[in-house]
């Protein structure tokens, strides 16, 4: 089987693509897998690191307002289509999979015109523009949320798979992980982070939260700053003459995030689709602070879906302060049953078999059956 996977720009598009590739490779050792991305996206680093070959094409996103950049994007689109035709003819894939990002547009569209089997996977509640357009041309549309169906024209092509997550986020022993982290009592364990690169606003608020809850015996906080923010956070704590209590840990980066999350009772984080997939796969309650800096405000839509189902509390970044978070932590300390109820609802939203369902649909499509399973 020859598989071409197009996706890139951000980790939210690339990590699901890699998870799908890993499932295919594990299940079919002789499968040939080729990734297509751009020179500027994170795929340049992440795909080769995962052990896969990456080819790049010329493509750029369209600006919302008409400008000279629009003309450049149109020119790049034509080059992207030309590159895609050449690449597909050379590789001769049995199926082309798109996981989002501008690069998917020409690659998946050209494949559909060449009568090659095509499939897209959408990570967010509200699909990106590229996937909305491609939905009219592909053989199958895989989505991560039931609420995403209404954004596509032909619902007969759609199957809800969820977002693929690593096994470490599915199979874990909470008590064992807590012992490994030297937490031997029933204190409330909280892990907070602002995405893979951190978030300045969340860091600033968590500095005040940490100062207010230092040396408490009933709560333990692991805060991940993001590597580029770590020095600044530590400087602010130093200026405040902060002395770390045994219940506070501040780290630039978590090399074993499944371990920290698995030992936790509550997560405080952004609301990227992959983060939420990991949170719900683990059945964890959360305080979600959506990034206001993303296209279509998709993080808030993702977060609101969890909140609507009782699995999370949403706090918007605008007007956010430490009191918002401390008040919620005090509430959860007094009412642990509420946290347990949120955890149960989170678990019901989790899709722990996403990669299996995606792989089954890929095989189904290659074998000539367009039925969604």
Protein backbone atom coordinates (compact mmCIF):
# COMPACT_ATOMS: atom_id res chain seq x y z
CA UNK A 1 0.00 0.00 0.00
CA UNK A 2 1.30 3.43 -0.98
CA UNK A 3 0.01 6.27 1.19
CA UNK A 4 0.50 9.99 0.66
CA UNK A 5 -0.30 12.21 3.65
CA UNK A 6 -0.67 15.98 3.27
CA UNK A 7 -0.86 18.16 6.36
CA UNK A 8 1.10 20.87 8.02
CA UNK A 9 1.67 24.30 9.43
CA UNK A 10 0.90 23.57 13.07
CA UNK A 11 1.32 20.61 15.41
CA UNK A 12 -2.47 20.24 15.49
CA UNK A 13 -2.38 19.09 11.86
CA UNK A 14 0.91 17.21 11.98
CA UNK A 15 0.60 15.06 15.12
CA UNK A 16 -2.64 13.38 13.93
CA UNK A 17 -0.97 12.74 10.56
CA UNK A 18 1.99 11.07 12.26
CA UNK A 19 -0.33 9.01 14.48
CA UNK A 20 -2.19 7.79 11.38
CA UNK A 21 1.10 6.97 9.65
CA UNK A 22 2.32 5.03 12.69
CA UNK A 23 -0.87 2.97 12.76
CA UNK A 24 -0.55 2.15 9.06
CA UNK A 25 3.13 1.24 9.41
CA UNK A 26 2.52 -0.92 12.50
CA UNK A 27 -0.35 -2.76 10.81
CA UNK A 28 1.21 -3.10 7.36
CA UNK A 29 5.00 -3.36 7.50
CA UNK A 30 5.48 -3.04 3.73
CA UNK A 31 3.41 0.15 3.44
CA UNK A 32 5.15 3.04 1.65
CA UNK A 33 4.33 6.38 3.31
CA UNK A 34 5.21 9.83 2.00
CA UNK A 35 4.39 13.14 3.69
CA UNK A 36 3.80 16.38 1.80
CA UNK A 37 4.23 19.75 3.51
CA UNK A 38 5.78 23.17 3.07
CA UNK A 39 9.20 24.60 3.79
CA UNK A 40 7.88 26.88 6.53
CA UNK A 41 5.67 24.57 8.60
CA UNK A 42 6.53 22.55 11.70
CA UNK A 43 6.39 19.43 9.54
CA UNK A 44 9.95 20.22 8.41
CA UNK A 45 11.08 19.26 11.91
CA UNK A 46 8.44 16.83 13.16
CA UNK A 47 7.98 14.49 10.19
CA UNK A 48 11.65 13.48 9.67
CA UNK A 49 12.01 13.19 13.45
CA UNK A 50 9.16 10.65 13.39
CA UNK A 51 11.05 8.65 10.75
CA UNK A 52 9.11 9.55 7.60
CA UNK A 53 10.12 11.09 4.28
CA UNK A 54 8.84 14.59 3.57
CA UNK A 55 8.45 16.33 0.21
CA UNK A 56 7.58 20.03 0.08
CA UNK A 57 5.49 22.05 -2.36
CA UNK A 58 4.87 25.76 -2.89
CA UNK A 59 1.65 27.01 -1.27
CA UNK A 60 0.57 29.86 0.98
CA UNK A 61 -2.64 30.84 2.73
CA UNK A 62 -5.08 33.43 1.44
CA UNK A 63 -5.49 36.63 3.45
CA UNK A 64 -8.99 37.70 4.47
CA UNK A 65 -8.59 41.09 2.75
CA UNK A 66 -7.68 41.66 -0.90
CA UNK A 67 -4.07 42.83 -1.24
CA UNK A 68 -0.83 42.15 -3.10
CA UNK A 69 -0.44 39.12 -0.83
CA UNK A 70 -3.62 37.73 -2.42
CA UNK A 71 -1.98 37.81 -5.86
CA UNK A 72 1.07 36.03 -4.41
CA UNK A 73 -1.20 33.37 -2.88
CA UNK A 74 -2.94 32.82 -6.24
CA UNK A 75 0.45 32.43 -7.93
CA UNK A 76 1.57 29.99 -5.20
CA UNK A 77 -1.66 28.00 -5.62
CA UNK A 78 -0.91 27.41 -9.30
CA UNK A 79 2.65 26.37 -8.43
CA UNK A 80 1.26 24.14 -5.67
CA UNK A 81 -1.10 22.40 -8.09
CA UNK A 82 1.76 21.89 -10.56
CA UNK A 83 3.98 20.48 -7.79
CA UNK A 84 1.16 18.22 -6.58
CA UNK A 85 0.54 16.77 -10.05
CA UNK A 86 4.23 15.99 -10.48
CA UNK A 87 4.58 14.47 -7.02
CA UNK A 88 1.47 12.29 -7.29
CA UNK A 89 2.44 11.00 -10.74
CA UNK A 90 5.87 10.09 -9.39
CA UNK A 91 4.78 8.44 -6.12
CA UNK A 92 1.60 6.76 -7.48
CA UNK A 93 -0.31 6.56 -4.15
CA UNK A 94 -3.21 4.20 -3.54
CA UNK A 95 -4.75 6.80 -1.24
CA UNK A 96 -4.17 10.46 -0.37
CA UNK A 97 -4.98 11.62 3.18
CA UNK A 98 -5.30 15.26 4.23
CA UNK A 99 -5.10 16.33 7.87
CA UNK A 100 -5.50 20.08 7.43
CA UNK A 101 -3.46 23.13 6.58
CA UNK A 102 -3.06 24.95 3.27
CA UNK A 103 -0.86 22.23 1.81
CA UNK A 104 -3.83 19.84 1.75
CA UNK A 105 -5.68 21.98 -0.80
CA UNK A 106 -3.76 21.31 -4.01
CA UNK A 107 -2.58 17.82 -3.04
CA UNK A 108 -5.96 16.34 -2.11
CA UNK A 109 -7.80 18.24 -4.86
CA UNK A 110 -5.42 17.04 -7.58
CA UNK A 111 -5.63 13.46 -6.28
CA UNK A 112 -9.44 13.56 -6.47
CA UNK A 113 -9.28 14.80 -10.09
CA UNK A 114 -6.92 11.91 -10.88
CA UNK A 115 -9.48 9.43 -9.44
CA UNK A 116 -7.21 8.45 -6.56
CA UNK A 117 -8.96 7.57 -3.31
CA UNK A 118 -9.03 10.59 -0.99
CA UNK A 119 -9.84 11.14 2.67
CA UNK A 120 -9.59 14.13 5.02
CA UNK A 121 -9.44 14.28 8.82
CA UNK A 122 -10.68 17.37 10.69
CA UNK A 123 -9.44 17.92 14.25
CA UNK A 124 -11.55 20.90 15.38
CA UNK A 125 -15.27 21.36 16.00
CA UNK A 126 -15.42 24.03 13.27
CA UNK A 127 -13.56 22.80 10.16
CA UNK A 128 -10.86 24.90 8.55
CA UNK A 129 -11.56 26.57 5.20
CA UNK A 130 -9.39 24.09 3.28
CA UNK A 131 -11.20 21.04 4.64
CA UNK A 132 -14.62 22.64 4.07
CA UNK A 133 -13.78 23.06 0.38
CA UNK A 134 -12.16 19.63 0.04
CA UNK A 135 -15.20 18.00 1.64
CA UNK A 136 -17.01 18.36 -1.70
CA UNK A 137 -14.36 16.41 -3.61
CA UNK A 138 -13.04 13.66 -1.31
CA UNK A 139 -14.38 10.13 -0.89
CA UNK A 140 -14.53 10.29 2.92
CA UNK A 141 -14.60 12.93 5.63
CA UNK A 142 -13.40 11.94 9.11
CA UNK A 143 -14.29 14.33 11.93
CA UNK A 144 -13.44 14.46 15.63
CA UNK A 145 -16.73 15.81 16.97
CA UNK A 146 -20.38 15.04 16.25
CA UNK A 147 -21.05 18.79 16.03
CA UNK A 148 -18.72 19.08 13.01
CA UNK A 149 -21.10 17.24 10.66
CA UNK A 150 -23.30 20.27 10.01
CA UNK A 151 -20.43 22.16 8.36
CA UNK A 152 -20.10 19.71 5.46
CA UNK A 153 -22.38 19.45 2.42
CA UNK A 154 -22.57 15.65 2.05
CA UNK A 155 -23.08 13.96 5.42
CA UNK A 156 -23.14 10.49 3.86
CA UNK A 157 -19.34 10.71 3.56
CA UNK A 158 -18.80 11.53 7.24
CA UNK A 159 -17.66 9.32 10.11
CA UNK A 160 -16.89 10.54 13.64
CA UNK A 161 -13.52 9.08 14.63
CA UNK A 162 -12.15 11.46 17.26
CA UNK A 163 -8.54 12.63 17.29
CA UNK A 164 -5.77 10.01 17.44
CA UNK A 165 -3.71 10.08 20.64
CA UNK A 166 -0.69 8.11 21.85
CA UNK A 167 -1.23 4.94 23.89
CA UNK A 168 0.40 6.60 26.92
CA UNK A 169 -2.67 8.81 27.18
CA UNK A 170 -4.99 5.79 27.17
CA UNK A 171 -3.28 3.13 29.30
CA UNK A 172 -1.92 4.41 32.62
CA UNK A 173 -1.96 3.68 36.36
CA UNK A 174 -2.77 6.90 38.22
CA UNK A 175 -1.67 5.70 41.66
CA UNK A 176 1.63 4.37 40.33
CA UNK A 177 2.33 7.63 38.50
CA UNK A 178 1.64 9.61 41.67
CA UNK A 179 4.11 7.44 43.60
CA UNK A 180 6.75 8.03 40.92
CA UNK A 181 6.20 11.78 41.36
CA UNK A 182 6.51 11.39 45.14
CA UNK A 183 2.86 12.24 45.81
CA UNK A 184 1.65 9.82 48.47
CA UNK A 185 -1.47 11.48 49.84
CA UNK A 186 -4.86 12.53 48.51
CA UNK A 187 -4.03 16.14 47.74
CA UNK A 188 -5.51 17.74 44.62
CA UNK A 189 -2.93 17.48 41.83
CA UNK A 190 -3.14 20.15 39.13
CA UNK A 191 -1.13 20.34 35.90
CA UNK A 192 -1.23 23.64 34.03
CA UNK A 193 0.28 24.59 30.68
CA UNK A 194 -0.32 26.90 27.74
CA UNK A 195 0.31 24.59 24.80
CA UNK A 196 3.61 23.21 23.51
CA UNK A 197 5.20 26.66 23.39
CA UNK A 198 3.55 28.09 26.48
CA UNK A 199 1.30 31.15 26.82
CA UNK A 200 2.40 34.40 28.45
CA UNK A 201 -1.03 35.27 29.88
CA UNK A 202 -1.48 31.85 31.48
CA UNK A 203 2.04 32.05 32.90
CA UNK A 204 1.38 35.48 34.43
CA UNK A 205 -1.85 34.31 36.05
CA UNK A 206 -0.33 31.05 37.30
CA UNK A 207 2.54 32.98 38.94
CA UNK A 208 -0.04 34.65 41.17
CA UNK A 209 -1.93 31.38 41.74
CA UNK A 210 1.31 29.66 42.80
CA UNK A 211 2.23 32.49 45.16
CA UNK A 212 -1.19 32.28 46.80
CA UNK A 213 -1.23 28.49 47.19
CA UNK A 214 2.41 27.93 48.14
CA UNK A 215 3.09 25.42 50.96
CA UNK A 216 -0.51 24.19 51.03
CA UNK A 217 -0.82 20.55 52.09
CA UNK A 218 -4.03 19.88 50.16
CA UNK A 219 -2.89 20.82 46.64
CA UNK A 220 0.11 20.20 44.37
CA UNK A 221 0.70 22.24 41.21
CA UNK A 222 2.86 21.31 38.24
CA UNK A 223 3.15 24.31 35.93
CA UNK A 224 4.77 24.07 32.49
CA UNK A 225 5.85 27.49 31.23
CA UNK A 226 7.07 26.63 27.73
CA UNK A 227 10.81 26.89 27.09
CA UNK A 228 10.79 30.45 25.71
CA UNK A 229 8.90 31.74 28.77
CA UNK A 230 10.72 29.86 31.55
CA UNK A 231 13.45 32.42 32.28
CA UNK A 232 10.91 35.26 32.44
CA UNK A 233 8.65 33.35 34.84
CA UNK A 234 11.53 32.46 37.15
CA UNK A 235 12.74 36.08 37.14
CA UNK A 236 9.29 37.31 38.18
CA UNK A 237 9.15 34.77 41.02
CA UNK A 238 12.67 35.75 42.10
CA UNK A 239 11.74 39.45 42.19
CA UNK A 240 8.77 38.54 44.38
CA UNK A 241 11.24 36.76 46.72
CA UNK A 242 9.27 33.56 46.20
CA UNK A 243 10.56 30.46 47.97
CA UNK A 244 9.25 27.25 46.46
CA UNK A 245 7.19 25.06 48.76
CA UNK A 246 7.25 21.29 48.31
CA UNK A 247 3.85 21.46 46.60
CA UNK A 248 4.95 23.65 43.68
CA UNK A 249 6.88 22.59 40.57
CA UNK A 250 7.64 24.95 37.67
CA UNK A 251 9.24 23.44 34.56
CA UNK A 252 10.11 24.81 31.11
CA UNK A 253 8.95 21.68 29.32
CA UNK A 254 7.37 18.34 30.22
CA UNK A 255 9.36 15.51 28.66
CA UNK A 256 6.73 13.05 29.88
CA UNK A 257 3.40 14.86 29.66
CA UNK A 258 1.33 11.63 29.86
CA UNK A 259 2.95 10.95 33.25
CA UNK A 260 2.10 14.40 34.66
CA UNK A 261 -1.42 14.38 33.26
CA UNK A 262 -2.04 10.79 34.34
CA UNK A 263 -1.12 11.67 37.94
CA UNK A 264 -3.37 14.75 37.92
CA UNK A 265 -6.90 15.39 39.15
CA UNK A 266 -7.36 18.55 37.08
CA UNK A 267 -5.85 20.15 33.98
CA UNK A 268 -5.57 23.89 33.28
CA UNK A 269 -4.73 24.51 29.62
CA UNK A 270 -5.47 25.95 26.21
CA UNK A 271 -8.13 24.20 24.13
CA UNK A 272 -6.32 22.90 21.07
CA UNK A 273 -8.00 19.87 19.53
CA UNK A 274 -5.17 17.44 20.31
CA UNK A 275 -4.88 18.64 23.92
CA UNK A 276 -8.61 18.07 24.39
CA UNK A 277 -8.35 14.63 22.79
CA UNK A 278 -5.66 13.72 25.32
CA UNK A 279 -7.62 15.18 28.25
CA UNK A 280 -10.81 13.31 27.36
CA UNK A 281 -8.99 10.06 26.53
CA UNK A 282 -7.63 10.18 30.10
CA UNK A 283 -11.01 11.17 31.54
CA UNK A 284 -9.72 14.34 33.20
CA UNK A 285 -11.73 17.42 34.23
CA UNK A 286 -10.31 20.72 33.04
CA UNK A 287 -10.27 24.49 33.28
CA UNK A 288 -9.88 25.62 29.68
CA UNK A 289 -8.50 29.00 28.60
CA UNK A 290 -8.93 29.11 24.79
CA UNK A 291 -6.36 31.01 22.76
CA UNK A 292 -7.96 34.12 21.24
CA UNK A 293 -5.25 34.22 18.56
CA UNK A 294 -6.39 31.32 16.36
CA UNK A 295 -8.37 31.26 13.11
CA UNK A 296 -12.18 31.22 13.47
CA UNK A 297 -11.79 31.25 17.26
CA UNK A 298 -11.81 27.46 16.98
CA UNK A 299 -10.33 26.86 20.44
CA UNK A 300 -13.29 28.49 22.16
CA UNK A 301 -15.68 26.37 20.10
CA UNK A 302 -13.70 23.25 21.08
CA UNK A 303 -13.76 24.27 24.76
CA UNK A 304 -17.46 25.14 24.80
CA UNK A 305 -18.31 21.64 23.59
CA UNK A 306 -16.61 20.15 26.66
CA UNK A 307 -18.25 22.73 28.91
CA UNK A 308 -21.68 22.02 27.40
CA UNK A 309 -21.20 18.34 28.26
CA UNK A 310 -20.13 19.08 31.85
CA UNK A 311 -16.49 18.04 31.40
CA UNK A 312 -14.82 21.46 31.69
CA UNK A 313 -15.08 25.04 32.90
CA UNK A 314 -14.19 27.69 30.31
CA UNK A 315 -12.43 30.94 31.27
CA UNK A 316 -11.77 33.47 28.51
CA UNK A 317 -8.36 35.13 28.41
CA UNK A 318 -9.90 38.60 28.31
CA UNK A 319 -10.28 39.66 31.93
CA UNK A 320 -8.64 36.49 33.25
CA UNK A 321 -6.99 36.82 36.67
CA UNK A 322 -5.65 34.56 39.39
CA UNK A 323 -8.81 34.93 41.49
CA UNK A 324 -10.83 33.21 38.74
CA UNK A 325 -8.64 30.13 39.01
CA UNK A 326 -8.10 30.15 42.79
CA UNK A 327 -11.87 30.37 43.36
CA UNK A 328 -12.41 27.30 41.16
CA UNK A 329 -9.61 25.38 42.88
CA UNK A 330 -11.11 26.19 46.30
CA UNK A 331 -14.49 25.01 45.02
CA UNK A 332 -13.05 21.72 43.78
CA UNK A 333 -11.15 21.19 47.04
CA UNK A 334 -14.42 21.49 48.95
CA UNK A 335 -16.44 19.47 46.45
CA UNK A 336 -14.35 16.59 45.11
CA UNK A 337 -17.53 14.87 43.92
CA UNK A 338 -17.99 17.65 41.38
CA UNK A 339 -14.53 16.89 39.99
CA UNK A 340 -15.37 13.19 39.81
CA UNK A 341 -18.57 13.97 37.91
CA UNK A 342 -16.63 16.14 35.46
CA UNK A 343 -14.04 13.37 35.06
CA UNK A 344 -16.77 10.85 34.19
CA UNK A 345 -18.26 13.21 31.60
CA UNK A 346 -14.81 13.87 30.16
CA UNK A 347 -14.21 10.13 29.77
CA UNK A 348 -17.51 9.68 27.92
CA UNK A 349 -16.32 12.26 25.36
CA UNK A 350 -12.95 10.55 24.86
CA UNK A 351 -12.30 8.55 21.69
CA UNK A 352 -9.63 6.03 22.64
CA UNK A 353 -9.94 3.97 19.44
CA UNK A 354 -9.60 6.85 16.95
CA UNK A 355 -6.55 5.46 15.13
CA UNK A 356 -8.22 2.04 14.76
CA UNK A 357 -11.37 3.59 13.28
CA UNK A 358 -9.35 5.82 10.94
CA UNK A 359 -7.26 2.85 9.77
CA UNK A 360 -10.38 0.74 9.19
CA UNK A 361 -11.86 3.48 7.01
CA UNK A 362 -8.61 3.79 5.04
CA UNK A 363 -8.58 0.05 4.29
CA UNK A 364 -12.28 0.11 3.53
CA UNK A 365 -11.78 2.90 0.99
CA UNK A 366 -8.75 1.31 -0.68
CA UNK A 367 -10.64 -1.96 -1.04
CA UNK A 368 -13.29 -0.16 -3.06
CA UNK A 369 -16.01 0.42 -0.47
CA UNK A 370 -17.02 4.01 0.30
CA UNK A 371 -19.23 3.01 3.22
CA UNK A 372 -18.26 4.86 6.43
CA UNK A 373 -17.58 2.49 9.33
